[in-house]
Amino acid sequence: MKKILLFVVVVLIIIAGAWGFSKSKKTDTKEAVKTEDSQSSDNGAVAGASTIKSTPGSEIVLFYGEGCPHCKKIEEFIKTNKIDEKVQFDVKEVWYNKENATVMQGKADVCKIPKEELGVPLLFDGPNSKCYVGEIEIQDFFKSKTGAN
């Protein structure tokens, strides 16, 4: 009787493990779709929440997270002041795009920002190898480039 009970418990554990594994694969697929949705579209505008015009390959890169409230304020500042029409910069989403997150980490390493202090929004000014972190620093950077208020 004990052997039968042990066998049933082992079978239930295996079934539960297989079910959990299949659920995690479905989640990975959904994240892959989100990553594709958050990348740039063919017309240069960022798909998803951001509608900032992006210039892929630019030496100035704005890193943001989809759903980040501070990033949304930067987006509003850029749209209100038409910054993306005056300054060419690339826009990269990093919360759902691991490749972009790796690029951001590389830029943060150049600026000597420790990994545990890294966050968005972050702007990398390639020509000067300088990082700007947070709403105020990024707005001040764009104001200096455009004379915006």
C-alpha atoms as a PDB file:
ATOM      1  CA  MET A   1       0.000   0.000   0.000  1.00  0.00           C
ATOM      2  CA  LYS A   2       2.835   2.408   0.859  1.00  0.00           C
ATOM      3  CA  LYS A   3       4.500   1.685  -2.482  1.00  0.00           C
ATOM      4  CA  ILE A   4       1.296   2.526  -4.370  1.00  0.00           C
ATOM      5  CA  LEU A   5       0.861   5.770  -2.423  1.00  0.00           C
ATOM      6  CA  LEU A   6       4.496   6.717  -3.053  1.00  0.00           C
ATOM      7  CA  PHE A   7       4.053   5.936  -6.771  1.00  0.00           C
ATOM      8  CA  VAL A   8       0.925   8.136  -6.990  1.00  0.00           C
ATOM      9  CA  VAL A   9       2.715  11.028  -5.243  1.00  0.00           C
ATOM     10  CA  VAL A  10       5.709  10.773  -7.592  1.00  0.00           C
ATOM     11  CA  VAL A  11       3.432  10.719 -10.658  1.00  0.00           C
ATOM     12  CA  LEU A  12       1.539  13.784  -9.391  1.00  0.00           C
ATOM     13  CA  ILE A  13       4.825  15.640  -8.836  1.00  0.00           C
ATOM     14  CA  ILE A  14       5.966  14.814 -12.369  1.00  0.00           C
ATOM     15  CA  ILE A  15       2.648  15.970 -13.838  1.00  0.00           C
ATOM     16  CA  ALA A  16       2.770  19.215 -11.836  1.00  0.00           C
ATOM     17  CA  GLY A  17       6.355  19.828 -12.995  1.00  0.00           C
ATOM     18  CA  ALA A  18       5.460  19.245 -16.632  1.00  0.00           C
ATOM     19  CA  TRP A  19       2.463  21.589 -16.330  1.00  0.00           C
ATOM     20  CA  GLY A  20       4.639  24.308 -14.758  1.00  0.00           C
ATOM     21  CA  PHE A  21       7.264  23.911 -17.470  1.00  0.00           C
ATOM     22  CA  SER A  22       4.666  24.288 -20.241  1.00  0.00           C
ATOM     23  CA  LYS A  23       3.285  27.436 -18.535  1.00  0.00           C
ATOM     24  CA  SER A  24       6.778  28.987 -18.407  1.00  0.00           C
ATOM     25  CA  LYS A  25       7.270  28.334 -22.136  1.00  0.00           C
ATOM     26  CA  LYS A  26       4.000  30.154 -22.902  1.00  0.00           C
ATOM     27  CA  THR A  27       5.189  33.114 -20.796  1.00  0.00           C
ATOM     28  CA  ASP A  28       8.509  33.199 -22.693  1.00  0.00           C
ATOM     29  CA  THR A  29       6.598  33.322 -25.980  1.00  0.00           C
ATOM     30  CA  LYS A  30       4.452  36.238 -24.754  1.00  0.00           C
ATOM     31  CA  GLU A  31       7.596  38.141 -23.667  1.00  0.00           C
ATOM     32  CA  ALA A  32       9.142  37.572 -27.092  1.00  0.00           C
ATOM     33  CA  VAL A  33       6.049  39.091 -28.707  1.00  0.00           C
ATOM     34  CA  LYS A  34       6.228  42.087 -26.320  1.00  0.00           C
ATOM     35  CA  THR A  35       9.911  42.534 -27.237  1.00  0.00           C
ATOM     36  CA  GLU A  36       9.079  42.591 -30.946  1.00  0.00           C
ATOM     37  CA  ASP A  37       6.215  45.040 -30.332  1.00  0.00           C
ATOM     38  CA  SER A  38       8.457  47.439 -28.385  1.00  0.00           C
ATOM     39  CA  GLN A  39      11.139  47.683 -31.049  1.00  0.00           C
ATOM     40  CA  SER A  40      11.298  50.406 -33.667  1.00  0.00           C
ATOM     41  CA  SER A  41       8.955  50.255 -36.617  1.00  0.00           C
ATOM     42  CA  ASP A  42      10.015  50.869 -40.202  1.00  0.00           C
ATOM     43  CA  ASN A  43       9.025  54.552 -40.181  1.00  0.00           C
ATOM     44  CA  GLY A  44      11.556  55.476 -37.464  1.00  0.00           C
ATOM     45  CA  ALA A  45       8.960  55.969 -34.712  1.00  0.00           C
ATOM     46  CA  VAL A  46       9.125  53.748 -31.684  1.00  0.00           C
ATOM     47  CA  ALA A  47       6.221  51.282 -31.496  1.00  0.00           C
ATOM     48  CA  GLY A  48       4.235  50.849 -28.304  1.00  0.00           C
ATOM     49  CA  ALA A  49       3.827  53.652 -25.765  1.00  0.00           C
ATOM     50  CA  SER A  50       6.564  55.863 -27.155  1.00  0.00           C
ATOM     51  CA  THR A  51       5.957  57.946 -30.277  1.00  0.00           C
ATOM     52  CA  ILE A  52       9.324  59.683 -30.294  1.00  0.00           C
ATOM     53  CA  LYS A  53      11.038  59.759 -33.681  1.00  0.00           C
ATOM     54  CA  SER A  54      14.122  57.567 -33.441  1.00  0.00           C
ATOM     55  CA  THR A  55      17.319  57.829 -35.493  1.00  0.00           C
ATOM     56  CA  PRO A  56      18.822  54.327 -35.347  1.00  0.00           C
ATOM     57  CA  GLY A  57      22.607  54.295 -35.259  1.00  0.00           C
ATOM     58  CA  SER A  58      22.842  57.757 -33.699  1.00  0.00           C
ATOM     59  CA  GLU A  59      25.650  58.381 -31.213  1.00  0.00           C
ATOM     60  CA  ILE A  60      23.085  59.797 -28.766  1.00  0.00           C
ATOM     61  CA  VAL A  61      20.812  57.113 -27.310  1.00  0.00           C
ATOM     62  CA  LEU A  62      17.800  57.481 -25.021  1.00  0.00           C
ATOM     63  CA  PHE A  63      17.084  54.307 -23.033  1.00  0.00           C
ATOM     64  CA  TYR A  64      13.606  53.922 -21.559  1.00  0.00           C
ATOM     65  CA  GLY A  65      11.316  51.314 -20.017  1.00  0.00           C
ATOM     66  CA  GLU A  66       7.852  50.617 -21.383  1.00  0.00           C
ATOM     67  CA  GLY A  67       5.468  51.824 -18.645  1.00  0.00           C
ATOM     68  CA  CYS A  68       8.082  53.866 -16.739  1.00  0.00           C
ATOM     69  CA  PRO A  69       6.421  57.076 -15.447  1.00  0.00           C
ATOM     70  CA  HIS A  70       9.674  59.082 -15.529  1.00  0.00           C
ATOM     71  CA  CYS A  71      10.292  57.961 -19.105  1.00  0.00           C
ATOM     72  CA  LYS A  72       6.773  59.076 -20.017  1.00  0.00           C
ATOM     73  CA  LYS A  73       7.578  62.581 -18.705  1.00  0.00           C
ATOM     74  CA  ILE A  74      10.704  62.678 -20.872  1.00  0.00           C
ATOM     75  CA  GLU A  75       8.609  61.567 -23.847  1.00  0.00           C
ATOM     76  CA  GLU A  76       6.104  64.371 -23.189  1.00  0.00           C
ATOM     77  CA  PHE A  77       8.938  66.921 -22.875  1.00  0.00           C
ATOM     78  CA  ILE A  78      10.417  65.740 -26.187  1.00  0.00           C
ATOM     79  CA  LYS A  79       7.055  65.883 -27.978  1.00  0.00           C
ATOM     80  CA  THR A  80       6.045  69.255 -26.489  1.00  0.00           C
ATOM     81  CA  ASN A  81       9.357  70.858 -27.472  1.00  0.00           C
ATOM     82  CA  LYS A  82       9.740  68.932 -30.756  1.00  0.00           C
ATOM     83  CA  ILE A  83      13.186  67.805 -29.619  1.00  0.00           C
ATOM     84  CA  ASP A  84      13.148  64.795 -31.958  1.00  0.00           C
ATOM     85  CA  GLU A  85      12.878  67.208 -34.904  1.00  0.00           C
ATOM     86  CA  LYS A  86      15.898  69.219 -33.721  1.00  0.00           C
ATOM     87  CA  VAL A  87      18.267  66.565 -32.349  1.00  0.00           C
ATOM     88  CA  GLN A  88      18.962  63.170 -33.859  1.00  0.00           C
ATOM     89  CA  PHE A  89      19.023  60.389 -31.280  1.00  0.00           C
ATOM     90  CA  ASP A  90      18.191  56.723 -31.086  1.00  0.00           C
ATOM     91  CA  VAL A  91      15.510  55.405 -28.711  1.00  0.00           C
ATOM     92  CA  LYS A  92      15.804  51.960 -27.126  1.00  0.00           C
ATOM     93  CA  GLU A  93      13.349  50.156 -24.835  1.00  0.00           C
ATOM     94  CA  VAL A  94      15.198  48.066 -22.232  1.00  0.00           C
ATOM     95  CA  TRP A  95      12.619  46.400 -19.949  1.00  0.00           C
ATOM     96  CA  TYR A  96      11.289  43.996 -22.590  1.00  0.00           C
ATOM     97  CA  ASN A  97      14.280  43.969 -24.935  1.00  0.00           C
ATOM     98  CA  LYS A  98      17.304  42.120 -23.523  1.00  0.00           C
ATOM     99  CA  GLU A  99      19.557  43.162 -26.407  1.00  0.00           C
ATOM    100  CA  ASN A 100      18.835  46.845 -25.731  1.00  0.00           C
ATOM    101  CA  ALA A 101      19.361  46.260 -21.991  1.00  0.00           C
ATOM    102  CA  THR A 102      22.797  44.833 -22.771  1.00  0.00           C
ATOM    103  CA  VAL A 103      23.612  47.876 -24.916  1.00  0.00           C
ATOM    104  CA  MET A 104      22.519  50.169 -22.059  1.00  0.00           C
ATOM    105  CA  GLN A 105      24.723  48.263 -19.599  1.00  0.00           C
ATOM    106  CA  GLY A 106      27.681  48.773 -21.946  1.00  0.00           C
ATOM    107  CA  LYS A 107      27.040  52.516 -22.123  1.00  0.00           C
ATOM    108  CA  ALA A 108      26.650  52.659 -18.322  1.00  0.00           C
ATOM    109  CA  ASP A 109      30.007  50.894 -17.988  1.00  0.00           C
ATOM    110  CA  VAL A 110      31.595  53.677 -20.078  1.00  0.00           C
ATOM    111  CA  CYS A 111      30.101  56.192 -17.613  1.00  0.00           C
ATOM    112  CA  LYS A 112      31.149  54.055 -14.623  1.00  0.00           C
ATOM    113  CA  ILE A 113      27.556  53.653 -13.395  1.00  0.00           C
ATOM    114  CA  PRO A 114      27.396  50.581 -11.127  1.00  0.00           C
ATOM    115  CA  LYS A 115      24.934  47.912 -12.291  1.00  0.00           C
ATOM    116  CA  GLU A 116      22.919  48.164  -9.058  1.00  0.00           C
ATOM    117  CA  GLU A 117      22.434  51.929  -9.620  1.00  0.00           C
ATOM    118  CA  LEU A 118      21.436  51.630 -13.273  1.00  0.00           C
ATOM    119  CA  GLY A 119      17.922  52.692 -14.227  1.00  0.00           C
ATOM    120  CA  VAL A 120      15.819  54.510 -16.780  1.00  0.00           C
ATOM    121  CA  PRO A 121      15.471  56.980 -18.259  1.00  0.00           C
ATOM    122  CA  LEU A 122      19.120  57.161 -19.246  1.00  0.00           C
ATOM    123  CA  LEU A 123      20.595  59.161 -22.093  1.00  0.00           C
ATOM    124  CA  PHE A 124      24.032  58.339 -23.494  1.00  0.00           C
ATOM    125  CA  ASP A 125      25.848  61.173 -25.267  1.00  0.00           C
ATOM    126  CA  GLY A 126      28.316  59.196 -27.379  1.00  0.00           C
ATOM    127  CA  PRO A 127      30.403  62.092 -28.708  1.00  0.00           C
ATOM    128  CA  ASN A 128      31.224  63.116 -25.125  1.00  0.00           C
ATOM    129  CA  SER A 129      31.032  59.606 -23.571  1.00  0.00           C
ATOM    130  CA  LYS A 130      28.677  60.956 -20.924  1.00  0.00           C
ATOM    131  CA  CYS A 131      25.491  59.604 -19.348  1.00  0.00           C
ATOM    132  CA  TYR A 132      22.517  61.620 -18.152  1.00  0.00           C
ATOM    133  CA  VAL A 133      20.202  59.909 -15.691  1.00  0.00           C
ATOM    134  CA  GLY A 134      16.671  60.954 -14.759  1.00  0.00           C
ATOM    135  CA  GLU A 135      14.210  63.533 -15.973  1.00  0.00           C
ATOM    136  CA  ILE A 136      16.059  66.711 -14.981  1.00  0.00           C
ATOM    137  CA  GLU A 137      19.485  65.764 -16.365  1.00  0.00           C
ATOM    138  CA  ILE A 138      18.007  64.555 -19.654  1.00  0.00           C
ATOM    139  CA  GLN A 139      15.763  67.603 -20.045  1.00  0.00           C
ATOM    140  CA  ASP A 140      18.742  69.880 -19.290  1.00  0.00           C
ATOM    141  CA  PHE A 141      20.802  68.042 -21.929  1.00  0.00           C
ATOM    142  CA  PHE A 142      18.127  68.557 -24.583  1.00  0.00           C
ATOM    143  CA  LYS A 143      17.570  72.178 -23.503  1.00  0.00           C
ATOM    144  CA  SER A 144      21.285  72.860 -23.991  1.00  0.00           C
ATOM    145  CA  LYS A 145      21.099  71.365 -27.492  1.00  0.00           C
ATOM    146  CA  THR A 146      17.908  73.157 -28.592  1.00  0.00           C
ATOM    147  CA  GLY A 147      17.238  76.156 -26.362  1.00  0.00           C
ATOM    148  CA  ALA A 148      13.939  74.592 -25.243  1.00  0.00           C
ATOM    149  CA  ASN A 149      12.274  75.753 -22.036  1.00  0.00           C
END
